[in-house]
N, C-alpha and C. Protein backbone atom coordinates (compact mmCIF):
# COMPACT_ATOMS: atom_id res chain seq x y z
N MET A 1 -17.36 10.60 7.48
CA MET A 1 -17.27 9.18 7.74
C MET A 1 -18.42 8.46 7.03
N ALA A 2 -18.09 7.36 6.40
CA ALA A 2 -19.12 6.55 5.78
C ALA A 2 -19.74 5.67 6.86
N SER A 3 -21.04 5.66 6.94
CA SER A 3 -21.70 4.99 8.05
C SER A 3 -21.97 3.51 7.78
N GLU A 4 -22.43 3.15 6.60
CA GLU A 4 -22.80 1.76 6.36
C GLU A 4 -21.60 0.94 5.91
N ALA A 5 -21.62 -0.35 6.27
CA ALA A 5 -20.53 -1.27 5.92
C ALA A 5 -20.58 -1.57 4.42
N LEU A 6 -19.42 -1.92 3.87
CA LEU A 6 -19.31 -2.25 2.45
C LEU A 6 -19.09 -3.75 2.32
N TYR A 7 -20.07 -4.45 1.75
CA TYR A 7 -20.01 -5.90 1.58
C TYR A 7 -19.24 -6.21 0.31
N ILE A 8 -18.14 -6.95 0.44
CA ILE A 8 -17.31 -7.31 -0.73
C ILE A 8 -17.69 -8.71 -1.21
N ASN A 9 -17.54 -9.71 -0.37
CA ASN A 9 -17.99 -11.08 -0.66
C ASN A 9 -18.28 -11.77 0.67
N ASP A 10 -18.51 -13.11 0.66
CA ASP A 10 -18.90 -13.77 1.90
C ASP A 10 -17.80 -13.73 2.97
N ARG A 11 -16.56 -13.53 2.58
CA ARG A 11 -15.46 -13.51 3.55
C ARG A 11 -15.03 -12.10 3.95
N ILE A 12 -15.26 -11.12 3.08
CA ILE A 12 -14.75 -9.77 3.33
C ILE A 12 -15.91 -8.78 3.43
N THR A 13 -15.96 -8.08 4.54
CA THR A 13 -16.89 -6.96 4.72
C THR A 13 -16.11 -5.83 5.38
N ILE A 14 -16.11 -4.67 4.75
CA ILE A 14 -15.40 -3.51 5.28
C ILE A 14 -16.36 -2.74 6.19
N ALA A 15 -15.97 -2.55 7.43
CA ALA A 15 -16.81 -1.82 8.39
C ALA A 15 -16.88 -0.35 7.99
N GLY A 16 -17.97 0.30 8.37
CA GLY A 16 -18.19 1.70 8.02
C GLY A 16 -17.14 2.63 8.60
N TRP A 17 -16.61 2.32 9.79
CA TRP A 17 -15.62 3.19 10.42
C TRP A 17 -14.27 3.14 9.72
N GLU A 18 -14.04 2.13 8.87
CA GLU A 18 -12.76 2.04 8.14
C GLU A 18 -12.73 2.95 6.91
N LEU A 19 -13.89 3.38 6.45
CA LEU A 19 -13.97 4.22 5.25
C LEU A 19 -14.17 5.69 5.64
N THR A 20 -13.44 6.57 4.98
CA THR A 20 -13.59 8.00 5.20
C THR A 20 -13.89 8.65 3.86
N GLU A 21 -14.89 9.51 3.84
CA GLU A 21 -15.26 10.20 2.61
C GLU A 21 -15.07 11.69 2.77
N GLN A 22 -14.64 12.30 1.67
CA GLN A 22 -14.46 13.75 1.65
C GLN A 22 -15.07 14.24 0.34
N PHE A 23 -15.84 15.30 0.40
CA PHE A 23 -16.50 15.82 -0.80
C PHE A 23 -15.79 17.09 -1.24
N VAL A 24 -15.43 17.14 -2.53
CA VAL A 24 -14.68 18.27 -3.08
C VAL A 24 -15.37 18.78 -4.34
N LEU A 25 -14.99 19.98 -4.77
CA LEU A 25 -15.52 20.54 -6.00
C LEU A 25 -15.01 19.73 -7.19
N ALA A 26 -15.88 19.50 -8.14
CA ALA A 26 -15.52 18.72 -9.31
C ALA A 26 -15.52 19.61 -10.54
N GLY A 27 -14.69 19.28 -11.50
CA GLY A 27 -14.70 19.98 -12.78
C GLY A 27 -15.65 19.29 -13.72
N GLY A 28 -15.68 19.70 -14.95
CA GLY A 28 -16.49 19.02 -15.96
C GLY A 28 -17.89 19.59 -16.06
N PRO A 29 -18.83 18.80 -16.63
CA PRO A 29 -20.18 19.30 -16.88
C PRO A 29 -20.93 19.58 -15.58
N GLY A 30 -21.83 20.50 -15.65
CA GLY A 30 -22.63 20.83 -14.47
C GLY A 30 -23.04 22.28 -14.44
N GLY A 31 -22.52 23.08 -15.36
CA GLY A 31 -22.89 24.50 -15.43
C GLY A 31 -22.41 25.27 -14.22
N GLN A 32 -23.19 26.23 -13.78
CA GLN A 32 -22.80 27.06 -12.64
C GLN A 32 -22.81 26.25 -11.35
N ASN A 33 -23.56 25.17 -11.34
CA ASN A 33 -23.67 24.33 -10.15
C ASN A 33 -22.31 23.74 -9.76
N VAL A 34 -21.45 23.50 -10.76
CA VAL A 34 -20.18 22.84 -10.51
C VAL A 34 -19.26 23.69 -9.63
N ASN A 35 -19.44 25.00 -9.65
CA ASN A 35 -18.59 25.88 -8.83
C ASN A 35 -19.12 26.07 -7.41
N LYS A 36 -20.35 25.62 -7.15
CA LYS A 36 -20.97 25.87 -5.85
C LYS A 36 -21.10 24.62 -4.99
N VAL A 37 -21.29 23.46 -5.61
CA VAL A 37 -21.61 22.24 -4.86
C VAL A 37 -20.47 21.25 -4.95
N ALA A 38 -20.08 20.69 -3.82
CA ALA A 38 -19.01 19.69 -3.78
C ALA A 38 -19.61 18.33 -4.12
N THR A 39 -19.52 17.94 -5.40
CA THR A 39 -20.13 16.68 -5.82
C THR A 39 -19.12 15.56 -5.96
N ALA A 40 -17.85 15.86 -6.18
CA ALA A 40 -16.84 14.81 -6.32
C ALA A 40 -16.56 14.20 -4.95
N VAL A 41 -16.27 12.90 -4.94
CA VAL A 41 -16.04 12.18 -3.70
C VAL A 41 -14.63 11.63 -3.69
N GLN A 42 -13.95 11.80 -2.56
CA GLN A 42 -12.66 11.15 -2.32
C GLN A 42 -12.90 10.14 -1.21
N LEU A 43 -12.74 8.86 -1.55
CA LEU A 43 -12.95 7.78 -0.59
C LEU A 43 -11.59 7.29 -0.12
N PHE A 44 -11.37 7.33 1.18
CA PHE A 44 -10.10 6.90 1.76
C PHE A 44 -10.30 5.59 2.50
N PHE A 45 -9.38 4.64 2.28
CA PHE A 45 -9.44 3.35 2.96
C PHE A 45 -8.02 2.94 3.32
N ASN A 46 -7.77 2.72 4.60
CA ASN A 46 -6.44 2.33 5.07
C ASN A 46 -6.26 0.84 4.84
N VAL A 47 -5.68 0.49 3.71
CA VAL A 47 -5.49 -0.91 3.33
C VAL A 47 -4.49 -1.58 4.27
N GLN A 48 -3.40 -0.88 4.56
CA GLN A 48 -2.30 -1.44 5.34
C GLN A 48 -2.75 -1.90 6.73
N ASN A 49 -3.60 -1.13 7.41
CA ASN A 49 -3.97 -1.43 8.79
C ASN A 49 -5.40 -1.95 8.93
N SER A 50 -5.99 -2.44 7.86
CA SER A 50 -7.38 -2.90 7.91
C SER A 50 -7.47 -4.28 8.56
N PRO A 51 -8.30 -4.44 9.58
CA PRO A 51 -8.48 -5.76 10.19
C PRO A 51 -9.36 -6.68 9.35
N SER A 52 -10.03 -6.14 8.34
CA SER A 52 -10.96 -6.92 7.52
C SER A 52 -10.26 -7.75 6.44
N LEU A 53 -9.01 -7.41 6.12
CA LEU A 53 -8.32 -8.05 5.00
C LEU A 53 -7.19 -8.94 5.48
N THR A 54 -6.94 -10.02 4.74
CA THR A 54 -5.79 -10.88 5.02
C THR A 54 -4.54 -10.22 4.45
N ASP A 55 -3.38 -10.73 4.86
CA ASP A 55 -2.11 -10.15 4.39
C ASP A 55 -1.96 -10.28 2.88
N ARG A 56 -2.39 -11.43 2.31
CA ARG A 56 -2.27 -11.64 0.86
C ARG A 56 -3.15 -10.65 0.10
N VAL A 57 -4.37 -10.42 0.59
CA VAL A 57 -5.28 -9.48 -0.07
C VAL A 57 -4.75 -8.06 0.05
N LYS A 58 -4.18 -7.71 1.22
CA LYS A 58 -3.60 -6.37 1.40
C LYS A 58 -2.48 -6.14 0.40
N ALA A 59 -1.57 -7.12 0.28
CA ALA A 59 -0.43 -6.97 -0.64
C ALA A 59 -0.91 -6.85 -2.08
N ASN A 60 -1.88 -7.69 -2.47
CA ASN A 60 -2.40 -7.64 -3.84
C ASN A 60 -3.11 -6.31 -4.11
N ALA A 61 -3.87 -5.83 -3.14
CA ALA A 61 -4.61 -4.57 -3.32
C ALA A 61 -3.64 -3.40 -3.49
N ILE A 62 -2.58 -3.38 -2.69
CA ILE A 62 -1.60 -2.29 -2.80
C ILE A 62 -0.90 -2.34 -4.16
N LYS A 63 -0.61 -3.55 -4.62
CA LYS A 63 0.04 -3.70 -5.93
C LYS A 63 -0.90 -3.27 -7.06
N LEU A 64 -2.18 -3.65 -6.96
CA LEU A 64 -3.14 -3.29 -8.00
C LEU A 64 -3.45 -1.80 -8.01
N ALA A 65 -3.51 -1.18 -6.84
CA ALA A 65 -3.87 0.24 -6.74
C ALA A 65 -2.77 1.14 -7.28
N GLY A 66 -1.53 0.72 -7.15
CA GLY A 66 -0.42 1.51 -7.69
C GLY A 66 -0.25 2.86 -7.03
N ARG A 67 -0.35 3.93 -7.83
CA ARG A 67 -0.10 5.29 -7.33
C ARG A 67 -1.24 5.84 -6.49
N ARG A 68 -2.36 5.15 -6.44
CA ARG A 68 -3.48 5.62 -5.63
C ARG A 68 -3.28 5.35 -4.14
N VAL A 69 -2.24 4.58 -3.79
CA VAL A 69 -1.96 4.27 -2.39
C VAL A 69 -0.81 5.16 -1.92
N SER A 70 -0.98 5.77 -0.73
CA SER A 70 0.07 6.62 -0.17
C SER A 70 1.13 5.74 0.48
N LYS A 71 2.20 6.38 0.95
CA LYS A 71 3.28 5.65 1.63
C LYS A 71 2.79 4.99 2.91
N ASP A 72 1.76 5.57 3.52
CA ASP A 72 1.21 5.02 4.76
C ASP A 72 0.26 3.85 4.52
N GLY A 73 -0.02 3.54 3.26
CA GLY A 73 -0.91 2.44 2.93
C GLY A 73 -2.37 2.83 2.86
N VAL A 74 -2.65 4.13 2.66
CA VAL A 74 -4.03 4.62 2.55
C VAL A 74 -4.39 4.75 1.08
N LEU A 75 -5.44 4.06 0.69
CA LEU A 75 -5.92 4.08 -0.70
C LEU A 75 -6.91 5.22 -0.86
N MET A 76 -6.75 6.02 -1.93
CA MET A 76 -7.69 7.10 -2.21
C MET A 76 -8.32 6.86 -3.58
N ILE A 77 -9.64 6.78 -3.60
CA ILE A 77 -10.38 6.64 -4.85
C ILE A 77 -11.19 7.91 -5.03
N GLU A 78 -10.98 8.59 -6.17
CA GLU A 78 -11.71 9.82 -6.45
C GLU A 78 -12.73 9.55 -7.53
N ALA A 79 -13.98 9.92 -7.25
CA ALA A 79 -15.06 9.70 -8.20
C ALA A 79 -15.74 11.02 -8.51
N SER A 80 -15.71 11.42 -9.78
CA SER A 80 -16.38 12.65 -10.19
C SER A 80 -17.06 12.46 -11.54
N ARG A 81 -17.45 11.23 -11.82
CA ARG A 81 -18.05 10.88 -13.09
C ARG A 81 -19.45 11.48 -13.27
N PHE A 82 -20.19 11.55 -12.16
CA PHE A 82 -21.58 11.97 -12.23
C PHE A 82 -21.75 13.36 -11.62
N ARG A 83 -22.92 13.96 -11.87
CA ARG A 83 -23.20 15.30 -11.34
C ARG A 83 -23.73 15.27 -9.92
N SER A 84 -24.22 14.13 -9.48
CA SER A 84 -24.79 14.08 -8.13
C SER A 84 -23.80 13.45 -7.15
N GLN A 85 -23.84 13.93 -5.93
CA GLN A 85 -22.95 13.47 -4.88
C GLN A 85 -23.23 12.01 -4.53
N ASP A 86 -24.50 11.63 -4.48
CA ASP A 86 -24.86 10.25 -4.12
C ASP A 86 -24.35 9.25 -5.15
N ARG A 87 -24.50 9.58 -6.44
CA ARG A 87 -24.05 8.65 -7.49
C ARG A 87 -22.53 8.54 -7.50
N ASN A 88 -21.82 9.64 -7.24
CA ASN A 88 -20.36 9.59 -7.14
C ASN A 88 -19.92 8.77 -5.94
N ARG A 89 -20.66 8.89 -4.85
CA ARG A 89 -20.35 8.13 -3.64
C ARG A 89 -20.50 6.63 -3.91
N GLU A 90 -21.58 6.24 -4.58
CA GLU A 90 -21.79 4.84 -4.93
C GLU A 90 -20.74 4.35 -5.92
N ASP A 91 -20.35 5.21 -6.85
CA ASP A 91 -19.33 4.86 -7.83
C ASP A 91 -17.99 4.58 -7.15
N ALA A 92 -17.61 5.42 -6.19
CA ALA A 92 -16.34 5.24 -5.47
C ALA A 92 -16.37 3.94 -4.69
N ARG A 93 -17.48 3.65 -4.01
CA ARG A 93 -17.58 2.43 -3.23
C ARG A 93 -17.56 1.19 -4.14
N GLU A 94 -18.19 1.30 -5.31
CA GLU A 94 -18.19 0.19 -6.26
C GLU A 94 -16.79 -0.07 -6.80
N ARG A 95 -16.04 0.99 -7.07
CA ARG A 95 -14.67 0.83 -7.57
C ARG A 95 -13.76 0.22 -6.51
N LEU A 96 -13.97 0.57 -5.25
CA LEU A 96 -13.22 -0.05 -4.16
C LEU A 96 -13.56 -1.53 -4.07
N LYS A 97 -14.83 -1.85 -4.21
CA LYS A 97 -15.28 -3.25 -4.16
C LYS A 97 -14.63 -4.06 -5.28
N GLU A 98 -14.62 -3.51 -6.51
CA GLU A 98 -14.01 -4.21 -7.65
C GLU A 98 -12.52 -4.45 -7.42
N LEU A 99 -11.83 -3.44 -6.89
CA LEU A 99 -10.39 -3.58 -6.63
C LEU A 99 -10.13 -4.67 -5.60
N LEU A 100 -10.92 -4.70 -4.53
CA LEU A 100 -10.72 -5.70 -3.49
C LEU A 100 -11.12 -7.10 -3.96
N LEU A 101 -12.14 -7.20 -4.82
CA LEU A 101 -12.49 -8.51 -5.38
C LEU A 101 -11.38 -9.06 -6.25
N GLU A 102 -10.77 -8.18 -7.03
CA GLU A 102 -9.65 -8.61 -7.88
C GLU A 102 -8.45 -9.01 -7.03
N ALA A 103 -8.22 -8.28 -5.92
CA ALA A 103 -7.10 -8.60 -5.03
C ALA A 103 -7.34 -9.91 -4.28
N ALA A 104 -8.61 -10.24 -4.02
CA ALA A 104 -8.94 -11.46 -3.27
C ALA A 104 -9.04 -12.69 -4.16
N ALA A 105 -8.99 -12.50 -5.47
CA ALA A 105 -9.10 -13.64 -6.39
C ALA A 105 -7.94 -14.60 -6.17
N PRO A 106 -8.19 -15.90 -6.31
CA PRO A 106 -7.10 -16.87 -6.11
C PRO A 106 -6.03 -16.72 -7.18
N PRO A 107 -4.79 -17.04 -6.84
CA PRO A 107 -3.72 -16.92 -7.85
C PRO A 107 -3.94 -17.92 -8.98
N PRO A 108 -3.44 -17.60 -10.18
CA PRO A 108 -3.62 -18.53 -11.30
C PRO A 108 -2.85 -19.82 -11.04
N PRO A 109 -3.31 -20.94 -11.61
CA PRO A 109 -2.59 -22.20 -11.40
C PRO A 109 -1.20 -22.13 -12.01
N PRO A 110 -0.24 -22.85 -11.43
CA PRO A 110 1.13 -22.80 -11.97
C PRO A 110 1.19 -23.38 -13.38
N ARG A 111 2.10 -22.86 -14.19
CA ARG A 111 2.24 -23.29 -15.57
C ARG A 111 2.91 -24.66 -15.61
N LYS A 112 2.35 -25.55 -16.44
CA LYS A 112 2.95 -26.86 -16.62
C LYS A 112 3.91 -26.79 -17.80
N LYS A 113 5.15 -27.20 -17.57
CA LYS A 113 6.14 -27.17 -18.64
C LYS A 113 5.87 -28.33 -19.60
N THR A 114 5.93 -28.03 -20.89
CA THR A 114 5.73 -29.05 -21.91
C THR A 114 6.86 -28.98 -22.91
N LYS A 115 7.12 -30.11 -23.55
CA LYS A 115 8.14 -30.14 -24.59
C LYS A 115 7.47 -29.91 -25.94
N PRO A 116 8.19 -29.28 -26.87
CA PRO A 116 7.60 -29.11 -28.21
C PRO A 116 7.45 -30.46 -28.91
N THR A 117 6.42 -30.58 -29.74
CA THR A 117 6.20 -31.85 -30.45
C THR A 117 7.25 -32.04 -31.53
N LYS A 118 7.38 -33.26 -31.97
CA LYS A 118 8.36 -33.57 -33.02
C LYS A 118 8.04 -32.81 -34.30
N GLY A 119 6.74 -32.72 -34.63
CA GLY A 119 6.31 -32.01 -35.84
C GLY A 119 6.64 -30.53 -35.77
N SER A 120 6.44 -29.90 -34.58
CA SER A 120 6.72 -28.47 -34.47
C SER A 120 8.22 -28.20 -34.57
N ILE A 121 9.02 -29.09 -34.05
CA ILE A 121 10.49 -28.94 -34.18
C ILE A 121 10.89 -29.02 -35.66
N GLU A 122 10.33 -30.01 -36.38
CA GLU A 122 10.65 -30.17 -37.81
C GLU A 122 10.21 -28.96 -38.62
N ARG A 123 9.01 -28.44 -38.34
CA ARG A 123 8.52 -27.27 -39.06
C ARG A 123 9.41 -26.05 -38.80
N ARG A 124 9.82 -25.87 -37.54
CA ARG A 124 10.69 -24.74 -37.21
C ARG A 124 12.01 -24.83 -37.95
N LEU A 125 12.61 -26.01 -37.98
CA LEU A 125 13.89 -26.18 -38.67
C LEU A 125 13.74 -26.00 -40.19
N LYS A 126 12.61 -26.44 -40.73
CA LYS A 126 12.36 -26.28 -42.16
C LYS A 126 12.22 -24.80 -42.52
N GLU A 127 11.46 -24.03 -41.71
CA GLU A 127 11.32 -22.59 -41.93
C GLU A 127 12.66 -21.88 -41.79
N LYS A 128 13.44 -22.33 -40.83
CA LYS A 128 14.75 -21.71 -40.59
C LYS A 128 15.67 -21.91 -41.79
N SER A 129 15.69 -23.13 -42.32
CA SER A 129 16.55 -23.38 -43.49
C SER A 129 16.02 -22.63 -44.71
N GLY A 130 14.70 -22.49 -44.81
CA GLY A 130 14.11 -21.73 -45.92
C GLY A 130 14.53 -20.26 -45.85
N ARG A 131 14.51 -19.68 -44.66
CA ARG A 131 14.95 -18.28 -44.51
C ARG A 131 16.44 -18.16 -44.84
N SER A 132 17.19 -19.16 -44.46
CA SER A 132 18.63 -19.16 -44.77
C SER A 132 18.85 -19.15 -46.29
N GLU A 133 18.06 -19.93 -47.00
CA GLU A 133 18.18 -19.98 -48.46
C GLU A 133 17.84 -18.63 -49.07
N VAL A 134 16.79 -17.98 -48.60
CA VAL A 134 16.38 -16.68 -49.11
C VAL A 134 17.51 -15.68 -48.91
N LYS A 135 18.14 -15.70 -47.75
CA LYS A 135 19.22 -14.74 -47.46
C LYS A 135 20.47 -15.03 -48.30
N LYS A 136 20.71 -16.32 -48.59
CA LYS A 136 21.84 -16.66 -49.45
C LYS A 136 21.63 -16.15 -50.87
N MET A 137 20.38 -16.16 -51.33
CA MET A 137 20.07 -15.70 -52.68
C MET A 137 20.26 -14.19 -52.82
N ARG A 138 20.23 -13.44 -51.71
CA ARG A 138 20.38 -11.99 -51.75
C ARG A 138 21.84 -11.59 -51.95
N CYS A 139 22.75 -12.48 -51.63
CA CYS A 139 24.20 -12.15 -51.72
C CYS A 139 24.62 -11.98 -53.18
N LYS A 140 25.64 -11.14 -53.36
CA LYS A 140 26.20 -10.96 -54.69
C LYS A 140 27.02 -12.22 -55.02
N ILE A 141 26.97 -12.57 -56.27
CA ILE A 141 27.75 -13.72 -56.71
C ILE A 141 29.16 -13.22 -56.96
N GLY A 142 30.09 -13.79 -56.21
CA GLY A 142 31.49 -13.33 -56.34
C GLY A 142 32.10 -13.79 -57.66
N GLY A 143 32.65 -12.89 -58.41
CA GLY A 143 33.21 -13.25 -59.70
C GLY A 143 34.51 -12.53 -59.97
N ASP A 144 34.43 -11.28 -60.31
CA ASP A 144 35.60 -10.53 -60.78
C ASP A 144 36.42 -10.15 -59.64
């Protein structure tokens, strides 16, 4: 169990009891140490049932996480970038924070529909007729 709370922004703080950590053996660099010490971290966070998140943030987080979320709505972040357990633990928590910040971001403003300008319409039609002329020149001249 992760003991300290994870501060996301002024509105979102994940309590320590909501996060579960599991340490596993990691591959990659580390020499003989890699076979003996569990340095990789698996951070579990139940997005679906979290009281810290709003419904919109939960839906966005599940969509952003993709395959990292189980059917039950539990997000798993695996960190094995570093050789030390503490740095991997911080890396996993930082990646969770980035994901939740992106999920909490406000939606983009709606697109305003605009009409094409008169000049752009004329240029498009001129290019179109030019391409038509080029294609007509490629045809065989019918004679015999």
